Amino acid sequence: MHYEPHWIELKKRERLFKWLFFLYLPVLGGVMFVMFIFVKLMTDYFFFSCAIIWIAGIVAAGLRCLAWKCPRCAHPFFRLLRPFAKRCSTCGLWKWSLKADVGKYAPLKR
């Protein structure tokens, strides 16, 4: 079994999270600039509502990455306290493995 389509899906989820995370300040700064300079309207409610919506998007994208299922065992690949794990927390599949390791199914020791 090839895992490449599964890893592509994980890469898309991680990319969305990174874009939302790193564009937070530039986008909100641009919104503030446009509202203040061009429209002459700067309300705290608008800024805070945009910030809260953006942060909710970051949290949702992060949780979507954490909920991604391992292609081999179909359990969550990541644990809540280990979002950058290199191996599946249940079956031990290495991240970005392209094929099933026949005969090497070794669960992690706890």
C-alpha atoms as a PDB file:
ATOM      1  CA  MET A   1       0.000   0.000   0.000  1.00  0.00           C
ATOM      2  CA  HIS A   2       1.303   3.427  -0.897  1.00  0.00           C
ATOM      3  CA  TYR A   3       0.850   6.227   1.602  1.00  0.00           C
ATOM      4  CA  GLU A   4       1.657   9.138  -0.687  1.00  0.00           C
ATOM      5  CA  PRO A   5      -1.956  10.446  -1.047  1.00  0.00           C
ATOM      6  CA  HIS A   6      -2.291  10.443   2.740  1.00  0.00           C
ATOM      7  CA  TRP A   7       0.938  12.403   3.201  1.00  0.00           C
ATOM      8  CA  ILE A   8      -0.183  14.913   0.570  1.00  0.00           C
ATOM      9  CA  GLU A   9      -3.339  15.517   2.612  1.00  0.00           C
ATOM     10  CA  LEU A  10      -1.262  16.045   5.766  1.00  0.00           C
ATOM     11  CA  LYS A  11       1.012  18.458   3.902  1.00  0.00           C
ATOM     12  CA  LYS A  12      -2.028  20.491   2.783  1.00  0.00           C
ATOM     13  CA  ARG A  13      -3.308  20.679   6.347  1.00  0.00           C
ATOM     14  CA  GLU A  14       0.093  21.741   7.699  1.00  0.00           C
ATOM     15  CA  ARG A  15       0.503  24.320   4.937  1.00  0.00           C
ATOM     16  CA  LEU A  16      -2.894  25.876   5.733  1.00  0.00           C
ATOM     17  CA  PHE A  17      -1.970  26.093   9.419  1.00  0.00           C
ATOM     18  CA  LYS A  18       1.399  27.723   8.663  1.00  0.00           C
ATOM     19  CA  TRP A  19      -0.125  30.269   6.279  1.00  0.00           C
ATOM     20  CA  LEU A  20      -2.786  31.262   8.782  1.00  0.00           C
ATOM     21  CA  PHE A  21      -0.250  31.456  11.606  1.00  0.00           C
ATOM     22  CA  PHE A  22       2.409  33.515   9.822  1.00  0.00           C
ATOM     23  CA  LEU A  23       0.021  35.853   7.998  1.00  0.00           C
ATOM     24  CA  TYR A  24      -1.875  36.822  11.151  1.00  0.00           C
ATOM     25  CA  LEU A  25       0.027  40.026  11.949  1.00  0.00           C
ATOM     26  CA  PRO A  26       0.601  41.227   8.365  1.00  0.00           C
ATOM     27  CA  VAL A  27      -3.055  40.807   7.393  1.00  0.00           C
ATOM     28  CA  LEU A  28      -4.431  42.432  10.533  1.00  0.00           C
ATOM     29  CA  GLY A  29      -1.857  45.207  10.212  1.00  0.00           C
ATOM     30  CA  GLY A  30      -2.988  45.782   6.630  1.00  0.00           C
ATOM     31  CA  VAL A  31      -6.626  45.843   7.689  1.00  0.00           C
ATOM     32  CA  MET A  32      -5.805  48.377  10.406  1.00  0.00           C
ATOM     33  CA  PHE A  33      -3.854  50.515   7.928  1.00  0.00           C
ATOM     34  CA  VAL A  34      -6.651  50.527   5.357  1.00  0.00           C
ATOM     35  CA  MET A  35      -9.318  51.251   7.947  1.00  0.00           C
ATOM     36  CA  PHE A  36      -7.344  54.056   9.602  1.00  0.00           C
ATOM     37  CA  ILE A  37      -5.757  55.809   6.608  1.00  0.00           C
ATOM     38  CA  PHE A  38      -8.316  55.430   3.841  1.00  0.00           C
ATOM     39  CA  VAL A  39     -11.636  55.098   5.587  1.00  0.00           C
ATOM     40  CA  LYS A  40     -10.766  57.150   8.689  1.00  0.00           C
ATOM     41  CA  LEU A  41     -12.707  54.646  10.687  1.00  0.00           C
ATOM     42  CA  MET A  42     -10.943  52.626  13.327  1.00  0.00           C
ATOM     43  CA  THR A  43     -13.190  50.815  15.705  1.00  0.00           C
ATOM     44  CA  ASP A  44     -11.906  48.428  18.309  1.00  0.00           C
ATOM     45  CA  TYR A  45     -14.868  46.135  17.775  1.00  0.00           C
ATOM     46  CA  PHE A  46     -14.003  45.565  14.127  1.00  0.00           C
ATOM     47  CA  PHE A  47     -10.329  44.906  14.855  1.00  0.00           C
ATOM     48  CA  PHE A  48     -11.012  42.553  17.753  1.00  0.00           C
ATOM     49  CA  SER A  49     -13.690  40.669  15.846  1.00  0.00           C
ATOM     50  CA  CYS A  50     -11.260  40.161  12.941  1.00  0.00           C
ATOM     51  CA  ALA A  51      -8.560  39.030  15.363  1.00  0.00           C
ATOM     52  CA  ILE A  52     -10.849  36.579  17.137  1.00  0.00           C
ATOM     53  CA  ILE A  53     -12.080  35.106  13.858  1.00  0.00           C
ATOM     54  CA  TRP A  54      -8.499  34.736  12.592  1.00  0.00           C
ATOM     55  CA  ILE A  55      -7.320  33.094  15.834  1.00  0.00           C
ATOM     56  CA  ALA A  56     -10.298  30.715  15.693  1.00  0.00           C
ATOM     57  CA  GLY A  57      -9.184  29.777  12.175  1.00  0.00           C
ATOM     58  CA  ILE A  58      -5.643  29.105  13.407  1.00  0.00           C
ATOM     59  CA  VAL A  59      -6.951  26.909  16.231  1.00  0.00           C
ATOM     60  CA  ALA A  60      -9.282  25.024  13.855  1.00  0.00           C
ATOM     61  CA  ALA A  61      -6.454  24.403  11.369  1.00  0.00           C
ATOM     62  CA  GLY A  62      -4.171  23.214  14.175  1.00  0.00           C
ATOM     63  CA  LEU A  63      -6.796  20.834  15.524  1.00  0.00           C
ATOM     64  CA  ARG A  64      -7.391  19.564  12.002  1.00  0.00           C
ATOM     65  CA  CYS A  65      -3.688  18.709  11.755  1.00  0.00           C
ATOM     66  CA  LEU A  66      -3.741  16.985  15.138  1.00  0.00           C
ATOM     67  CA  ALA A  67      -6.802  14.929  14.155  1.00  0.00           C
ATOM     68  CA  TRP A  68      -5.132  13.535  11.024  1.00  0.00           C
ATOM     69  CA  LYS A  69      -5.287   9.731  10.961  1.00  0.00           C
ATOM     70  CA  CYS A  70      -2.301   7.469  10.398  1.00  0.00           C
ATOM     71  CA  PRO A  71      -2.482   5.795   6.976  1.00  0.00           C
ATOM     72  CA  ARG A  72      -1.443   2.428   8.436  1.00  0.00           C
ATOM     73  CA  CYS A  73      -3.432   2.041  11.668  1.00  0.00           C
ATOM     74  CA  ALA A  74      -6.156   4.727  11.194  1.00  0.00           C
ATOM     75  CA  HIS A  75      -5.576   6.112  14.702  1.00  0.00           C
ATOM     76  CA  PRO A  76      -4.600   9.754  15.262  1.00  0.00           C
ATOM     77  CA  PHE A  77      -0.995  10.175  14.108  1.00  0.00           C
ATOM     78  CA  PHE A  78      -0.215  12.895  16.642  1.00  0.00           C
ATOM     79  CA  ARG A  79      -0.910  13.130  20.339  1.00  0.00           C
ATOM     80  CA  LEU A  80      -2.090  16.374  21.887  1.00  0.00           C
ATOM     81  CA  LEU A  81       1.226  16.984  23.654  1.00  0.00           C
ATOM     82  CA  ARG A  82       3.378  15.898  20.687  1.00  0.00           C
ATOM     83  CA  PRO A  83       2.185  17.802  17.616  1.00  0.00           C
ATOM     84  CA  PHE A  84       5.582  17.532  15.879  1.00  0.00           C
ATOM     85  CA  ALA A  85       6.050  13.766  16.243  1.00  0.00           C
ATOM     86  CA  LYS A  86       8.178  11.967  13.670  1.00  0.00           C
ATOM     87  CA  ARG A  87       6.405   8.637  14.219  1.00  0.00           C
ATOM     88  CA  CYS A  88       2.815   7.539  14.682  1.00  0.00           C
ATOM     89  CA  SER A  89       1.945   7.506  18.355  1.00  0.00           C
ATOM     90  CA  THR A  90       0.172   4.148  17.994  1.00  0.00           C
ATOM     91  CA  CYS A  91       1.878   1.943  15.390  1.00  0.00           C
ATOM     92  CA  GLY A  92       5.268   3.647  14.980  1.00  0.00           C
ATOM     93  CA  LEU A  93       5.004   4.467  11.260  1.00  0.00           C
ATOM     94  CA  TRP A  94       7.622   7.049  10.354  1.00  0.00           C
ATOM     95  CA  LYS A  95       6.343  10.343   9.048  1.00  0.00           C
ATOM     96  CA  TRP A  96       6.594  10.629   5.233  1.00  0.00           C
ATOM     97  CA  SER A  97       7.054   6.834   4.724  1.00  0.00           C
ATOM     98  CA  LEU A  98       6.010   6.032   1.168  1.00  0.00           C
ATOM     99  CA  LYS A  99       5.300   2.293   1.388  1.00  0.00           C
ATOM    100  CA  ALA A 100       4.133  -0.150   4.017  1.00  0.00           C
ATOM    101  CA  ASP A 101       7.020  -1.746   5.854  1.00  0.00           C
ATOM    102  CA  VAL A 102       6.088  -5.401   5.503  1.00  0.00           C
ATOM    103  CA  GLY A 103       7.089  -7.329   8.591  1.00  0.00           C
ATOM    104  CA  LYS A 104       8.238  -4.227  10.434  1.00  0.00           C
ATOM    105  CA  TYR A 105       5.032  -3.410  12.258  1.00  0.00           C
ATOM    106  CA  ALA A 106       6.519  -2.428  15.600  1.00  0.00           C
ATOM    107  CA  PRO A 107       4.325  -0.468  17.981  1.00  0.00           C
ATOM    108  CA  LEU A 108       5.995   2.117  20.150  1.00  0.00           C
ATOM    109  CA  LYS A 109       6.924   1.117  23.671  1.00  0.00           C
ATOM    110  CA  ARG A 110       5.123   3.069  26.319  1.00  0.00           C
END
